[in-house]
N, C-alpha and C. Protein backbone atom coordinates (compact mmCIF):
# COMPACT_ATOMS: atom_id res chain seq x y z
N MET A 1 -34.34 8.07 12.34
CA MET A 1 -34.98 7.84 11.06
C MET A 1 -34.33 8.75 10.02
N THR A 2 -34.05 8.26 8.86
CA THR A 2 -33.42 9.02 7.80
C THR A 2 -34.44 9.33 6.71
N PHE A 3 -34.52 10.60 6.35
CA PHE A 3 -35.44 11.02 5.30
C PHE A 3 -34.66 11.35 4.03
N ARG A 4 -35.27 11.18 2.89
CA ARG A 4 -34.63 11.44 1.61
C ARG A 4 -34.79 12.88 1.15
N PHE A 5 -35.59 13.65 1.85
CA PHE A 5 -35.81 15.04 1.48
C PHE A 5 -35.90 15.87 2.75
N GLU A 6 -35.75 17.17 2.61
CA GLU A 6 -35.72 18.09 3.74
C GLU A 6 -37.14 18.35 4.27
N LEU A 7 -37.33 18.15 5.55
CA LEU A 7 -38.64 18.37 6.17
C LEU A 7 -38.67 19.61 7.06
N ALA A 8 -37.53 20.15 7.40
CA ALA A 8 -37.47 21.30 8.31
C ALA A 8 -38.31 22.46 7.76
N ASP A 9 -39.05 23.07 8.66
CA ASP A 9 -39.89 24.24 8.37
C ASP A 9 -41.07 23.95 7.45
N LYS A 10 -41.41 22.69 7.22
CA LYS A 10 -42.60 22.34 6.45
C LYS A 10 -43.78 22.27 7.41
N LEU A 11 -44.96 22.64 6.93
CA LEU A 11 -46.18 22.51 7.72
C LEU A 11 -46.84 21.19 7.34
N VAL A 12 -47.11 20.35 8.34
CA VAL A 12 -47.66 19.02 8.11
C VAL A 12 -48.95 18.87 8.91
N LEU A 13 -50.00 18.35 8.28
CA LEU A 13 -51.25 18.06 8.96
C LEU A 13 -51.32 16.55 9.20
N VAL A 14 -51.49 16.17 10.46
CA VAL A 14 -51.60 14.76 10.82
C VAL A 14 -53.00 14.53 11.38
N THR A 15 -53.76 13.65 10.74
CA THR A 15 -55.08 13.29 11.24
C THR A 15 -54.95 12.08 12.15
N GLY A 16 -55.84 11.97 13.11
CA GLY A 16 -55.75 10.88 14.07
C GLY A 16 -54.53 11.02 14.96
N ALA A 17 -54.14 12.26 15.24
CA ALA A 17 -52.85 12.54 15.86
C ALA A 17 -52.85 12.53 17.38
N PHE A 18 -53.97 12.24 18.01
CA PHE A 18 -54.02 12.33 19.46
C PHE A 18 -53.65 11.02 20.16
N SER A 19 -53.46 9.95 19.39
CA SER A 19 -53.05 8.69 20.00
C SER A 19 -52.48 7.76 18.92
N GLY A 20 -51.87 6.71 19.35
CA GLY A 20 -51.40 5.65 18.45
C GLY A 20 -50.37 6.11 17.42
N LEU A 21 -50.52 5.59 16.20
CA LEU A 21 -49.57 5.90 15.14
C LEU A 21 -49.57 7.37 14.76
N GLY A 22 -50.73 8.00 14.77
CA GLY A 22 -50.79 9.42 14.44
C GLY A 22 -49.97 10.25 15.41
N LEU A 23 -50.03 9.93 16.69
CA LEU A 23 -49.24 10.64 17.69
C LEU A 23 -47.76 10.41 17.47
N GLN A 24 -47.38 9.18 17.18
CA GLN A 24 -45.96 8.87 16.94
C GLN A 24 -45.45 9.59 15.69
N PHE A 25 -46.25 9.61 14.63
CA PHE A 25 -45.85 10.34 13.42
C PHE A 25 -45.69 11.82 13.72
N SER A 26 -46.61 12.38 14.51
CA SER A 26 -46.52 13.79 14.88
C SER A 26 -45.23 14.09 15.61
N ARG A 27 -44.90 13.26 16.57
CA ARG A 27 -43.66 13.46 17.34
C ARG A 27 -42.42 13.32 16.47
N THR A 28 -42.42 12.34 15.58
CA THR A 28 -41.27 12.13 14.70
C THR A 28 -41.09 13.31 13.74
N LEU A 29 -42.18 13.76 13.16
CA LEU A 29 -42.11 14.89 12.24
C LEU A 29 -41.66 16.17 12.95
N ALA A 30 -42.16 16.40 14.16
CA ALA A 30 -41.75 17.57 14.93
C ALA A 30 -40.26 17.50 15.27
N ALA A 31 -39.78 16.32 15.58
CA ALA A 31 -38.35 16.14 15.89
C ALA A 31 -37.48 16.43 14.67
N GLU A 32 -38.04 16.25 13.46
CA GLU A 32 -37.32 16.52 12.22
C GLU A 32 -37.42 17.98 11.79
N GLY A 33 -38.12 18.79 12.60
CA GLY A 33 -38.19 20.22 12.33
C GLY A 33 -39.45 20.70 11.65
N CYS A 34 -40.44 19.83 11.49
CA CYS A 34 -41.71 20.23 10.89
C CYS A 34 -42.55 21.00 11.89
N ARG A 35 -43.40 21.86 11.35
CA ARG A 35 -44.47 22.45 12.16
C ARG A 35 -45.66 21.52 11.96
N VAL A 36 -46.19 20.99 13.05
CA VAL A 36 -47.20 19.94 12.95
C VAL A 36 -48.55 20.46 13.42
N ALA A 37 -49.55 20.35 12.54
CA ALA A 37 -50.93 20.63 12.91
C ALA A 37 -51.60 19.28 13.14
N MET A 38 -52.15 19.11 14.33
CA MET A 38 -52.74 17.83 14.72
C MET A 38 -54.25 17.95 14.79
N CYS A 39 -54.95 16.90 14.35
CA CYS A 39 -56.40 16.85 14.52
C CYS A 39 -56.80 15.42 14.85
N GLY A 40 -57.92 15.31 15.53
CA GLY A 40 -58.42 14.01 15.93
C GLY A 40 -59.80 14.15 16.55
N ARG A 41 -60.38 13.03 16.88
CA ARG A 41 -61.75 13.03 17.42
C ARG A 41 -61.81 13.31 18.92
N ARG A 42 -60.76 12.98 19.65
CA ARG A 42 -60.78 13.08 21.12
C ARG A 42 -60.19 14.41 21.58
N ILE A 43 -61.05 15.43 21.67
CA ILE A 43 -60.60 16.77 22.03
C ILE A 43 -59.92 16.79 23.40
N ASP A 44 -60.35 15.91 24.31
CA ASP A 44 -59.72 15.86 25.64
C ASP A 44 -58.25 15.46 25.53
N LEU A 45 -57.94 14.50 24.65
CA LEU A 45 -56.54 14.12 24.43
C LEU A 45 -55.77 15.23 23.74
N GLY A 46 -56.41 15.91 22.80
CA GLY A 46 -55.76 17.02 22.12
C GLY A 46 -55.39 18.13 23.06
N ARG A 47 -56.28 18.46 23.97
CA ARG A 47 -55.99 19.51 24.95
C ARG A 47 -54.86 19.09 25.89
N ALA A 48 -54.82 17.82 26.25
CA ALA A 48 -53.76 17.33 27.14
C ALA A 48 -52.41 17.38 26.43
N LEU A 49 -52.39 17.16 25.12
CA LEU A 49 -51.15 17.17 24.36
C LEU A 49 -50.66 18.57 24.02
N ALA A 50 -51.57 19.53 24.02
CA ALA A 50 -51.22 20.90 23.61
C ALA A 50 -50.07 21.44 24.46
N GLY A 51 -49.02 21.82 23.79
CA GLY A 51 -47.88 22.43 24.47
C GLY A 51 -46.93 21.46 25.15
N MET A 52 -47.17 20.16 25.03
CA MET A 52 -46.29 19.20 25.70
C MET A 52 -44.95 19.04 24.99
N GLN A 53 -44.91 19.24 23.68
CA GLN A 53 -43.67 19.09 22.92
C GLN A 53 -43.58 20.23 21.92
N PRO A 54 -42.43 20.91 21.86
CA PRO A 54 -42.30 21.99 20.86
C PRO A 54 -42.54 21.47 19.46
N GLY A 55 -43.23 22.27 18.67
CA GLY A 55 -43.52 21.90 17.30
C GLY A 55 -44.87 21.24 17.10
N LEU A 56 -45.47 20.76 18.19
CA LEU A 56 -46.78 20.13 18.08
C LEU A 56 -47.86 21.14 18.40
């Protein structure tokens, strides 16, 4: 994916980030160098995702 502006080292908050599109956006942003703060309703999914990918 090509971005028109620099995302590295930006802090991004993604809501609904524990599944579906929110999770995919979180992974994409982390791969581009963002620090990603994730939130969602399913705490069990959030705990399972914690530490699985650097930047998330």
